[in-house]
């Protein structure tokens, strides 16, 4: 089994990985939600959520400008 065989990941591979950073951020979002759900609200999970959202927004803005 390769990563391309997985349902969600396979869809991303279909587009030839044009933007691997964006694809990685999209795949990490649900994992981050699971981590927050398992660990509960704490300074660590809040920092992870803020870091993820900041990275996602800044990267999207950077790609839209450039």
PDB file of N, CA and C in Angstrom:
ATOM      1  N   UNK A   1       0.853  -1.183   0.000  1.00  0.00           N
ATOM      2  CA  UNK A   1       0.000   0.000   0.000  1.00  0.00           C
ATOM      3  C   UNK A   1       0.899   1.247   0.000  1.00  0.00           C
ATOM      4  N   UNK A   2       0.593   2.145  -0.876  1.00  0.00           N
ATOM      5  CA  UNK A   2       1.320   3.410  -0.950  1.00  0.00           C
ATOM      6  C   UNK A   2       0.416   4.534  -0.444  1.00  0.00           C
ATOM      7  N   UNK A   3       0.998   5.694  -0.098  1.00  0.00           N
ATOM      8  CA  UNK A   3       0.150   6.810   0.348  1.00  0.00           C
ATOM      9  C   UNK A   3      -0.903   7.204  -0.685  1.00  0.00           C
ATOM     10  N   UNK A   4      -0.617   7.029  -1.948  1.00  0.00           N
ATOM     11  CA  UNK A   4      -1.578   7.384  -2.995  1.00  0.00           C
ATOM     12  C   UNK A   4      -2.814   6.493  -2.955  1.00  0.00           C
ATOM     13  N   UNK A   5      -2.725   5.323  -2.294  1.00  0.00           N
ATOM     14  CA  UNK A   5      -3.875   4.417  -2.183  1.00  0.00           C
ATOM     15  C   UNK A   5      -4.872   4.867  -1.121  1.00  0.00           C
ATOM     16  N   UNK A   6      -4.471   5.722  -0.214  1.00  0.00           N
ATOM     17  CA  UNK A   6      -5.369   6.208   0.827  1.00  0.00           C
ATOM     18  C   UNK A   6      -6.365   7.194   0.230  1.00  0.00           C
ATOM     19  N   UNK A   7      -7.615   7.178   0.705  1.00  0.00           N
ATOM     20  CA  UNK A   7      -8.658   7.992   0.062  1.00  0.00           C
ATOM     21  C   UNK A   7      -8.343   9.488  -0.015  1.00  0.00           C
ATOM     22  N   UNK A   8      -8.035  10.125   1.074  1.00  0.00           N
ATOM     23  CA  UNK A   8      -7.824  11.579   1.062  1.00  0.00           C
ATOM     24  C   UNK A   8      -6.462  11.921   0.474  1.00  0.00           C
ATOM     25  N   UNK A   9      -5.449  11.195   0.868  1.00  0.00           N
ATOM     26  CA  UNK A   9      -4.100  11.463   0.379  1.00  0.00           C
ATOM     27  C   UNK A   9      -4.012  11.189  -1.120  1.00  0.00           C
ATOM     28  N   UNK A  10      -4.688  10.167  -1.576  1.00  0.00           N
ATOM     29  CA  UNK A  10      -4.685   9.842  -2.998  1.00  0.00           C
ATOM     30  C   UNK A  10      -5.239  10.969  -3.851  1.00  0.00           C
ATOM     31  N   UNK A  11      -6.249  11.665  -3.333  1.00  0.00           N
ATOM     32  CA  UNK A  11      -6.810  12.806  -4.050  1.00  0.00           C
ATOM     33  C   UNK A  11      -5.774  13.898  -4.214  1.00  0.00           C
ATOM     34  N   UNK A  12      -4.974  14.120  -3.195  1.00  0.00           N
ATOM     35  CA  UNK A  12      -3.923  15.143  -3.286  1.00  0.00           C
ATOM     36  C   UNK A  12      -2.847  14.731  -4.286  1.00  0.00           C
ATOM     37  N   UNK A  13      -2.509  13.444  -4.334  1.00  0.00           N
ATOM     38  CA  UNK A  13      -1.516  12.975  -5.288  1.00  0.00           C
ATOM     39  C   UNK A  13      -2.021  13.082  -6.724  1.00  0.00           C
ATOM     40  N   UNK A  14      -3.316  13.087  -6.899  1.00  0.00           N
ATOM     41  CA  UNK A  14      -3.904  13.200  -8.227  1.00  0.00           C
ATOM     42  C   UNK A  14      -3.491  14.503  -8.909  1.00  0.00           C
ATOM     43  N   UNK A  15      -3.245  15.534  -8.128  1.00  0.00           N
ATOM     44  CA  UNK A  15      -2.877  16.831  -8.679  1.00  0.00           C
ATOM     45  C   UNK A  15      -1.360  17.000  -8.789  1.00  0.00           C
ATOM     46  N   UNK A  16      -0.622  15.930  -8.733  1.00  0.00           N
ATOM     47  CA  UNK A  16       0.835  15.912  -8.915  1.00  0.00           C
ATOM     48  C   UNK A  16       1.598  16.720  -7.884  1.00  0.00           C
ATOM     49  N   UNK A  17       1.040  16.955  -6.708  1.00  0.00           N
ATOM     50  CA  UNK A  17       1.760  17.633  -5.641  1.00  0.00           C
ATOM     51  C   UNK A  17       2.242  19.013  -6.026  1.00  0.00           C
ATOM     52  N   UNK A  18       1.384  19.806  -6.614  1.00  0.00           N
ATOM     53  CA  UNK A  18       1.780  21.142  -7.052  1.00  0.00           C
ATOM     54  C   UNK A  18       2.234  22.019  -5.901  1.00  0.00           C
ATOM     55  N   UNK A  19       1.630  21.855  -4.751  1.00  0.00           N
ATOM     56  CA  UNK A  19       1.987  22.685  -3.601  1.00  0.00           C
ATOM     57  C   UNK A  19       2.041  21.795  -2.367  1.00  0.00           C
ATOM     58  N   UNK A  20       3.212  21.257  -2.093  1.00  0.00           N
ATOM     59  CA  UNK A  20       3.341  20.286  -1.010  1.00  0.00           C
ATOM     60  C   UNK A  20       3.142  20.914   0.365  1.00  0.00           C
ATOM     61  N   UNK A  21       3.507  22.179   0.533  1.00  0.00           N
ATOM     62  CA  UNK A  21       3.309  22.832   1.832  1.00  0.00           C
ATOM     63  C   UNK A  21       1.817  22.949   2.125  1.00  0.00           C
ATOM     64  N   UNK A  22       1.052  23.390   1.154  1.00  0.00           N
ATOM     65  CA  UNK A  22      -0.393  23.513   1.321  1.00  0.00           C
ATOM     66  C   UNK A  22      -1.024  22.141   1.584  1.00  0.00           C
ATOM     67  N   UNK A  23      -0.605  21.137   0.828  1.00  0.00           N
ATOM     68  CA  UNK A  23      -1.130  19.789   1.031  1.00  0.00           C
ATOM     69  C   UNK A  23      -0.822  19.288   2.438  1.00  0.00           C
ATOM     70  N   UNK A  24       0.378  19.555   2.918  1.00  0.00           N
ATOM     71  CA  UNK A  24       0.763  19.137   4.261  1.00  0.00           C
ATOM     72  C   UNK A  24      -0.077  19.851   5.308  1.00  0.00           C
ATOM     73  N   UNK A  25      -0.294  21.144   5.124  1.00  0.00           N
ATOM     74  CA  UNK A  25      -1.128  21.881   6.077  1.00  0.00           C
ATOM     75  C   UNK A  25      -2.551  21.352   6.087  1.00  0.00           C
ATOM     76  N   UNK A  26      -3.086  21.039   4.923  1.00  0.00           N
ATOM     77  CA  UNK A  26      -4.441  20.496   4.838  1.00  0.00           C
ATOM     78  C   UNK A  26      -4.530  19.148   5.560  1.00  0.00           C
ATOM     79  N   UNK A  27      -3.527  18.307   5.405  1.00  0.00           N
ATOM     80  CA  UNK A  27      -3.544  17.000   6.059  1.00  0.00           C
ATOM     81  C   UNK A  27      -3.301  17.094   7.562  1.00  0.00           C
ATOM     82  N   UNK A  28      -2.559  18.089   8.007  1.00  0.00           N
ATOM     83  CA  UNK A  28      -2.262  18.231   9.436  1.00  0.00           C
ATOM     84  C   UNK A  28      -3.431  18.810  10.230  1.00  0.00           C
ATOM     85  N   UNK A  29      -4.330  19.516   9.563  1.00  0.00           N
ATOM     86  CA  UNK A  29      -5.460  20.125  10.256  1.00  0.00           C
ATOM     87  C   UNK A  29      -6.301  19.123  11.037  1.00  0.00           C
ATOM     88  N   UNK A  30      -6.800  18.062  10.400  1.00  0.00           N
ATOM     89  CA  UNK A  30      -7.583  17.069  11.141  1.00  0.00           C
ATOM     90  C   UNK A  30      -6.783  16.371  12.242  1.00  0.00           C
ATOM     91  N   UNK A  31      -5.502  16.139  11.999  1.00  0.00           N
ATOM     92  CA  UNK A  31      -4.670  15.528  13.038  1.00  0.00           C
ATOM     93  C   UNK A  31      -4.552  16.444  14.250  1.00  0.00           C
ATOM     94  N   UNK A  32      -4.427  17.724  14.000  1.00  0.00           N
ATOM     95  CA  UNK A  32      -4.350  18.692  15.091  1.00  0.00           C
ATOM     96  C   UNK A  32      -5.654  18.708  15.886  1.00  0.00           C
ATOM     97  N   UNK A  33      -6.776  18.608  15.209  1.00  0.00           N
ATOM     98  CA  UNK A  33      -8.067  18.568  15.905  1.00  0.00           C
ATOM     99  C   UNK A  33      -8.161  17.341  16.799  1.00  0.00           C
ATOM    100  N   UNK A  34      -7.674  16.209  16.327  1.00  0.00           N
ATOM    101  CA  UNK A  34      -7.680  14.986  17.140  1.00  0.00           C
ATOM    102  C   UNK A  34      -6.787  15.160  18.364  1.00  0.00           C
ATOM    103  N   UNK A  35      -5.619  15.757  18.177  1.00  0.00           N
ATOM    104  CA  UNK A  35      -4.710  15.986  19.310  1.00  0.00           C
ATOM    105  C   UNK A  35      -5.357  16.892  20.348  1.00  0.00           C
ATOM    106  N   UNK A  36      -6.000  17.943  19.891  1.00  0.00           N
ATOM    107  CA  UNK A  36      -6.668  18.857  20.817  1.00  0.00           C
ATOM    108  C   UNK A  36      -7.810  18.151  21.537  1.00  0.00           C
ATOM    109  N   UNK A  37      -8.556  17.315  20.821  1.00  0.00           N
ATOM    110  CA  UNK A  37      -9.658  16.584  21.443  1.00  0.00           C
ATOM    111  C   UNK A  37      -9.159  15.594  22.486  1.00  0.00           C
ATOM    112  N   UNK A  38      -8.028  14.950  22.213  1.00  0.00           N
ATOM    113  CA  UNK A  38      -7.491  13.966  23.162  1.00  0.00           C
ATOM    114  C   UNK A  38      -6.837  14.623  24.377  1.00  0.00           C
ATOM    115  N   UNK A  39      -6.114  15.703  24.164  1.00  0.00           N
ATOM    116  CA  UNK A  39      -5.382  16.336  25.262  1.00  0.00           C
ATOM    117  C   UNK A  39      -6.203  17.375  26.015  1.00  0.00           C
ATOM    118  N   UNK A  40      -7.275  17.846  25.419  1.00  0.00           N
ATOM    119  CA  UNK A  40      -8.071  18.879  26.064  1.00  0.00           C
ATOM    120  C   UNK A  40      -7.435  20.245  25.867  1.00  0.00           C
ATOM    121  N   UNK A  41      -8.131  21.234  26.374  1.00  0.00           N
ATOM    122  CA  UNK A  41      -7.623  22.596  26.216  1.00  0.00           C
ATOM    123  C   UNK A  41      -6.540  22.861  27.252  1.00  0.00           C
ATOM    124  N   UNK A  42      -5.377  23.208  26.754  1.00  0.00           N
ATOM    125  CA  UNK A  42      -4.233  23.514  27.613  1.00  0.00           C
ATOM    126  C   UNK A  42      -3.390  24.559  26.898  1.00  0.00           C
ATOM    127  N   UNK A  43      -2.420  25.132  27.586  1.00  0.00           N
ATOM    128  CA  UNK A  43      -1.549  26.090  26.897  1.00  0.00           C
ATOM    129  C   UNK A  43      -0.830  25.472  25.696  1.00  0.00           C
ATOM    130  N   UNK A  44      -0.484  24.205  25.788  1.00  0.00           N
ATOM    131  CA  UNK A  44       0.203  23.529  24.678  1.00  0.00           C
ATOM    132  C   UNK A  44      -0.708  23.416  23.456  1.00  0.00           C
ATOM    133  N   UNK A  45      -1.930  22.937  23.659  1.00  0.00           N
ATOM    134  CA  UNK A  45      -2.828  22.769  22.519  1.00  0.00           C
ATOM    135  C   UNK A  45      -3.273  24.122  21.959  1.00  0.00           C
ATOM    136  N   UNK A  46      -3.392  25.114  22.821  1.00  0.00           N
ATOM    137  CA  UNK A  46      -3.719  26.455  22.332  1.00  0.00           C
ATOM    138  C   UNK A  46      -2.585  26.993  21.467  1.00  0.00           C
ATOM    139  N   UNK A  47      -1.361  26.786  21.904  1.00  0.00           N
ATOM    140  CA  UNK A  47      -0.206  27.234  21.132  1.00  0.00           C
ATOM    141  C   UNK A  47      -0.124  26.489  19.794  1.00  0.00           C
ATOM    142  N   UNK A  48      -0.428  25.195  19.800  1.00  0.00           N
ATOM    143  CA  UNK A  48      -0.431  24.428  18.553  1.00  0.00           C
ATOM    144  C   UNK A  48      -1.490  24.963  17.589  1.00  0.00           C
ATOM    145  N   UNK A  49      -2.681  25.234  18.105  1.00  0.00           N
ATOM    146  CA  UNK A  49      -3.757  25.742  17.248  1.00  0.00           C
ATOM    147  C   UNK A  49      -3.408  27.119  16.685  1.00  0.00           C
ATOM    148  N   UNK A  50      -2.884  28.003  17.527  1.00  0.00           N
ATOM    149  CA  UNK A  50      -2.506  29.346  17.067  1.00  0.00           C
ATOM    150  C   UNK A  50      -1.381  29.254  16.043  1.00  0.00           C
ATOM    151  N   UNK A  51      -0.416  28.403  16.294  1.00  0.00           N
ATOM    152  CA  UNK A  51       0.688  28.225  15.352  1.00  0.00           C
ATOM    153  C   UNK A  51       0.219  27.683  14.017  1.00  0.00           C
ATOM    154  N   UNK A  52      -0.671  26.693  14.067  1.00  0.00           N
ATOM    155  CA  UNK A  52      -1.201  26.116  12.828  1.00  0.00           C
ATOM    156  C   UNK A  52      -1.983  27.153  12.034  1.00  0.00           C
ATOM    157  N   UNK A  53      -2.892  27.837  12.694  1.00  0.00           N
ATOM    158  CA  UNK A  53      -3.711  28.831  11.997  1.00  0.00           C
ATOM    159  C   UNK A  53      -2.862  29.973  11.443  1.00  0.00           C
ATOM    160  N   UNK A  54      -1.890  30.417  12.222  1.00  0.00           N
ATOM    161  CA  UNK A  54      -1.009  31.489  11.754  1.00  0.00           C
ATOM    162  C   UNK A  54      -0.220  31.051  10.524  1.00  0.00           C
ATOM    163  N   UNK A  55       0.330  29.857  10.583  1.00  0.00           N
ATOM    164  CA  UNK A  55       1.092  29.336   9.458  1.00  0.00           C
ATOM    165  C   UNK A  55       0.216  29.204   8.217  1.00  0.00           C
ATOM    166  N   UNK A  56      -0.990  28.677   8.395  1.00  0.00           N
ATOM    167  CA  UNK A  56      -1.892  28.480   7.270  1.00  0.00           C
ATOM    168  C   UNK A  56      -2.284  29.813   6.634  1.00  0.00           C
ATOM    169  N   UNK A  57      -2.670  30.775   7.464  1.00  0.00           N
ATOM    170  CA  UNK A  57      -3.093  32.077   6.936  1.00  0.00           C
ATOM    171  C   UNK A  57      -1.926  32.803   6.279  1.00  0.00           C
ATOM    172  N   UNK A  58      -0.777  32.838   6.944  1.00  0.00           N
ATOM    173  CA  UNK A  58       0.383  33.538   6.379  1.00  0.00           C
ATOM    174  C   UNK A  58       0.858  32.887   5.085  1.00  0.00           C
ATOM    175  N   UNK A  59       0.863  31.567   5.033  1.00  0.00           N
ATOM    176  CA  UNK A  59       1.291  30.887   3.813  1.00  0.00           C
ATOM    177  C   UNK A  59       0.310  31.163   2.671  1.00  0.00           C
ATOM    178  N   UNK A  60      -0.978  31.123   2.973  1.00  0.00           N
ATOM    179  CA  UNK A  60      -1.978  31.398   1.942  1.00  0.00           C
ATOM    180  C   UNK A  60      -1.850  32.829   1.422  1.00  0.00           C
ATOM    181  N   UNK A  61      -1.643  33.774   2.323  1.00  0.00           N
ATOM    182  CA  UNK A  61      -1.453  35.169   1.897  1.00  0.00           C
ATOM    183  C   UNK A  61      -0.182  35.313   1.074  1.00  0.00           C
ATOM    184  N   UNK A  62       0.890  34.673   1.497  1.00  0.00           N
ATOM    185  CA  UNK A  62       2.172  34.751   0.788  1.00  0.00           C
ATOM    186  C   UNK A  62       2.028  34.189  -0.636  1.00  0.00           C
ATOM    187  N   UNK A  63       1.326  33.062  -0.777  1.00  0.00           N
ATOM    188  CA  UNK A  63       1.150  32.472  -2.096  1.00  0.00           C
ATOM    189  C   UNK A  63       0.223  33.316  -2.967  1.00  0.00           C
ATOM    190  N   UNK A  64      -0.757  33.984  -2.364  1.00  0.00           N
ATOM    191  CA  UNK A  64      -1.684  34.791  -3.165  1.00  0.00           C
ATOM    192  C   UNK A  64      -1.036  36.085  -3.646  1.00  0.00           C
ATOM    193  N   UNK A  65      -0.066  36.597  -2.889  1.00  0.00           N
ATOM    194  CA  UNK A  65       0.628  37.834  -3.288  1.00  0.00           C
ATOM    195  C   UNK A  65       1.702  37.516  -4.330  1.00  0.00           C
ATOM    196  N   UNK A  66       2.418  36.426  -4.128  1.00  0.00           N
ATOM    197  CA  UNK A  66       3.557  36.098  -4.993  1.00  0.00           C
ATOM    198  C   UNK A  66       3.237  35.337  -6.167  1.00  0.00           C
TER     199      UNK A  66
END
